[in-house]
Structures are given as structure tokens and as C-alpha cells.
């Protein structure tokens, strides 16, 4: 099964608010079916919602560890800023403010690479847990 198809569908779903787009993968064939409630199309076969051979691909928010992932990055890349970053999470706009801090420290690109790698690892772990051979 091609991981790229699942990854593409994952990004398709995650580029919209949760619930606006969905995707399913057929466990046996690896075929991916997309749907967009807003655009009014649905490629999923009838009955796929209840068929155990079809798995709904998760939205990024379903996999994204959020704050713990960001704190892990800070611990490993700029540990001197950990207390400051933790304090930022006590106020609204924490992620924006932390990203501003990382930008000033010239670490934003490193964060984006780290985050992307971790999300990919989580999606691959999801595939393995669901019995999807990659």
C-alpha cells in the first residue's frame, strides 16, 4: 500500500476545519476515497461508513499532540527558553507567540521540519495500528 496516497488524503482533510472534509482508505486495496461536505462531493462507496474494510483517515487534530510536541522541541533545541514558553501557554495566543519566539531565535524552520516529521511518524503509527501495510 502506498503511504503517499494516505498522506495526500491526510493533508487534504487537514487543510480544512475538522468535519468539512473526510477520506477513507480501503484496507485491502489501498484505494483512497475523498469527500467534501462543503463542495458537495463524495467518492466513498455506499455503505463504506459501516464496512470494517474502510477506515476513516484521521484529521491532523486527531493526531497532533500540540503543546507537548512543541515543548519537546523547545527542550531539545532551546532549553533555556522552556520556562518562558511554558509561561506563554498561560495566555491566549500561545502557539502564535511561541512561533514568534522561535522566529526570533532563527528556529522556526527547524520547528516546521521537526513538526512535519513527528506528524508523519504519528500517521505511520496510525496506519500500523489499523493494520495498513505500508
Protein backbone atom coordinates (compact mmCIF):
# COMPACT_ATOMS: atom_id res chain seq x y z
CA UNK A 1 0.00 0.00 0.00
CA UNK A 2 1.36 3.41 -0.90
CA UNK A 3 1.81 5.64 2.12
CA UNK A 4 1.80 8.67 -0.20
CA UNK A 5 -1.90 8.17 -1.00
CA UNK A 6 -2.80 8.15 2.68
CA UNK A 7 -0.53 11.12 3.36
CA UNK A 8 -2.11 13.10 0.50
CA UNK A 9 -5.60 12.34 1.84
CA UNK A 10 -4.50 13.24 5.36
CA UNK A 11 -3.33 16.66 4.15
CA UNK A 12 -6.48 17.10 2.06
CA UNK A 13 -8.62 16.58 5.17
CA UNK A 14 -6.37 18.57 7.48
CA UNK A 15 -6.28 21.63 5.21
CA UNK A 16 -9.92 22.25 6.16
CA UNK A 17 -11.68 22.56 9.51
CA UNK A 18 -12.47 19.21 11.18
CA UNK A 19 -15.56 17.58 9.71
CA UNK A 20 -15.59 19.62 6.48
CA UNK A 21 -13.65 17.03 4.50
CA UNK A 22 -13.28 13.30 5.04
CA UNK A 23 -11.39 10.46 3.43
CA UNK A 24 -11.49 6.72 3.69
CA UNK A 25 -8.99 4.07 2.68
CA UNK A 26 -9.99 0.56 1.67
CA UNK A 27 -7.97 -1.72 3.92
CA UNK A 28 -7.48 -4.43 1.28
CA UNK A 29 -6.84 -2.44 -1.91
CA UNK A 30 -5.34 0.75 -0.52
CA UNK A 31 -7.70 2.81 -2.64
CA UNK A 32 -8.48 6.21 -1.10
CA UNK A 33 -11.85 7.93 -1.39
CA UNK A 34 -12.32 11.64 -0.70
CA UNK A 35 -15.36 13.65 0.31
CA UNK A 36 -16.05 17.33 0.84
CA UNK A 37 -19.27 18.32 2.54
CA UNK A 38 -18.79 21.97 1.58
CA UNK A 39 -18.09 21.22 -2.11
CA UNK A 40 -20.85 18.60 -2.20
CA UNK A 41 -18.98 15.57 -3.47
CA UNK A 42 -18.34 12.15 -2.01
CA UNK A 43 -16.28 9.43 -3.71
CA UNK A 44 -16.84 6.91 -0.92
CA UNK A 45 -18.83 3.82 -1.93
CA UNK A 46 -22.28 3.42 -0.45
CA UNK A 47 -22.11 1.58 2.86
CA UNK A 48 -18.41 2.27 3.39
CA UNK A 49 -19.17 4.10 6.65
CA UNK A 50 -20.18 0.82 8.28
CA UNK A 51 -17.91 -1.57 6.35
CA UNK A 52 -14.90 -2.56 8.52
CA UNK A 53 -12.71 -2.77 5.39
CA UNK A 54 -12.93 1.03 5.05
CA UNK A 55 -11.01 3.16 7.51
CA UNK A 56 -11.63 6.86 8.02
CA UNK A 57 -8.34 8.70 7.74
CA UNK A 58 -7.82 10.95 10.76
CA UNK A 59 -7.71 14.75 10.70
CA UNK A 60 -4.46 16.33 11.87
CA UNK A 61 -6.17 17.46 15.08
CA UNK A 62 -6.88 13.81 15.84
CA UNK A 63 -3.15 13.02 15.76
CA UNK A 64 -1.43 16.29 16.64
CA UNK A 65 -0.09 16.28 20.20
CA UNK A 66 0.02 20.12 20.10
CA UNK A 67 1.58 21.62 23.20
CA UNK A 68 3.56 18.50 24.27
CA UNK A 69 5.19 18.33 20.83
CA UNK A 70 6.14 21.99 20.94
CA UNK A 71 7.56 21.63 24.45
CA UNK A 72 9.59 18.60 23.31
CA UNK A 73 11.07 20.72 20.53
CA UNK A 74 11.91 23.57 22.90
CA UNK A 75 13.54 21.17 25.38
CA UNK A 76 15.80 19.80 22.67
CA UNK A 77 16.55 22.96 20.65
CA UNK A 78 16.45 25.89 23.09
CA UNK A 79 16.11 24.56 26.65
CA UNK A 80 16.95 27.95 28.15
CA UNK A 81 13.58 29.19 26.81
CA UNK A 82 11.49 26.39 28.34
CA UNK A 83 10.19 28.37 31.32
CA UNK A 84 9.34 31.31 29.05
CA UNK A 85 7.49 29.06 26.60
CA UNK A 86 5.56 27.35 29.40
CA UNK A 87 4.54 30.80 30.69
CA UNK A 88 3.30 31.73 27.20
CA UNK A 89 0.83 28.83 27.39
CA UNK A 90 -0.89 30.52 30.32
CA UNK A 91 -2.14 33.25 27.96
CA UNK A 92 -4.23 33.33 24.79
CA UNK A 93 -2.36 33.07 21.51
CA UNK A 94 0.30 30.76 22.92
CA UNK A 95 1.16 28.97 19.68
CA UNK A 96 1.44 32.24 17.76
CA UNK A 97 3.63 33.73 20.49
CA UNK A 98 5.87 30.67 20.69
CA UNK A 99 6.29 30.69 16.91
CA UNK A 100 7.23 34.37 17.10
CA UNK A 101 9.85 33.45 19.69
CA UNK A 102 11.18 30.64 17.50
CA UNK A 103 11.32 33.04 14.55
CA UNK A 104 13.41 35.50 16.60
CA UNK A 105 15.70 32.63 17.64
CA UNK A 106 16.00 31.53 13.97
CA UNK A 107 14.45 28.19 14.86
CA UNK A 108 11.10 28.40 13.09
CA UNK A 109 12.25 26.42 10.04
CA UNK A 110 13.70 23.76 12.36
CA UNK A 111 10.38 23.60 14.22
CA UNK A 112 8.44 23.17 10.99
CA UNK A 113 10.70 20.30 9.90
CA UNK A 114 10.52 18.68 13.35
CA UNK A 115 6.72 19.05 13.47
CA UNK A 116 6.29 17.62 9.98
CA UNK A 117 8.48 14.61 10.80
CA UNK A 118 6.61 13.94 14.04
CA UNK A 119 3.20 14.18 12.37
CA UNK A 120 4.38 11.79 9.65
CA UNK A 121 5.58 9.36 12.31
CA UNK A 122 2.20 9.58 14.05
CA UNK A 123 0.32 8.95 10.78
CA UNK A 124 2.54 5.96 10.02
CA UNK A 125 1.90 4.67 13.55
CA UNK A 126 -1.85 5.07 12.94
CA UNK A 127 -1.53 3.06 9.71
CA UNK A 128 0.34 0.30 11.50
CA UNK A 129 -2.17 0.23 14.35
CA UNK A 130 -5.01 -0.10 11.82
CA UNK A 131 -3.26 -2.95 10.01
CA UNK A 132 -2.45 -1.00 6.87
CA UNK A 133 0.75 -2.38 5.33
CA UNK A 134 2.95 0.40 4.00
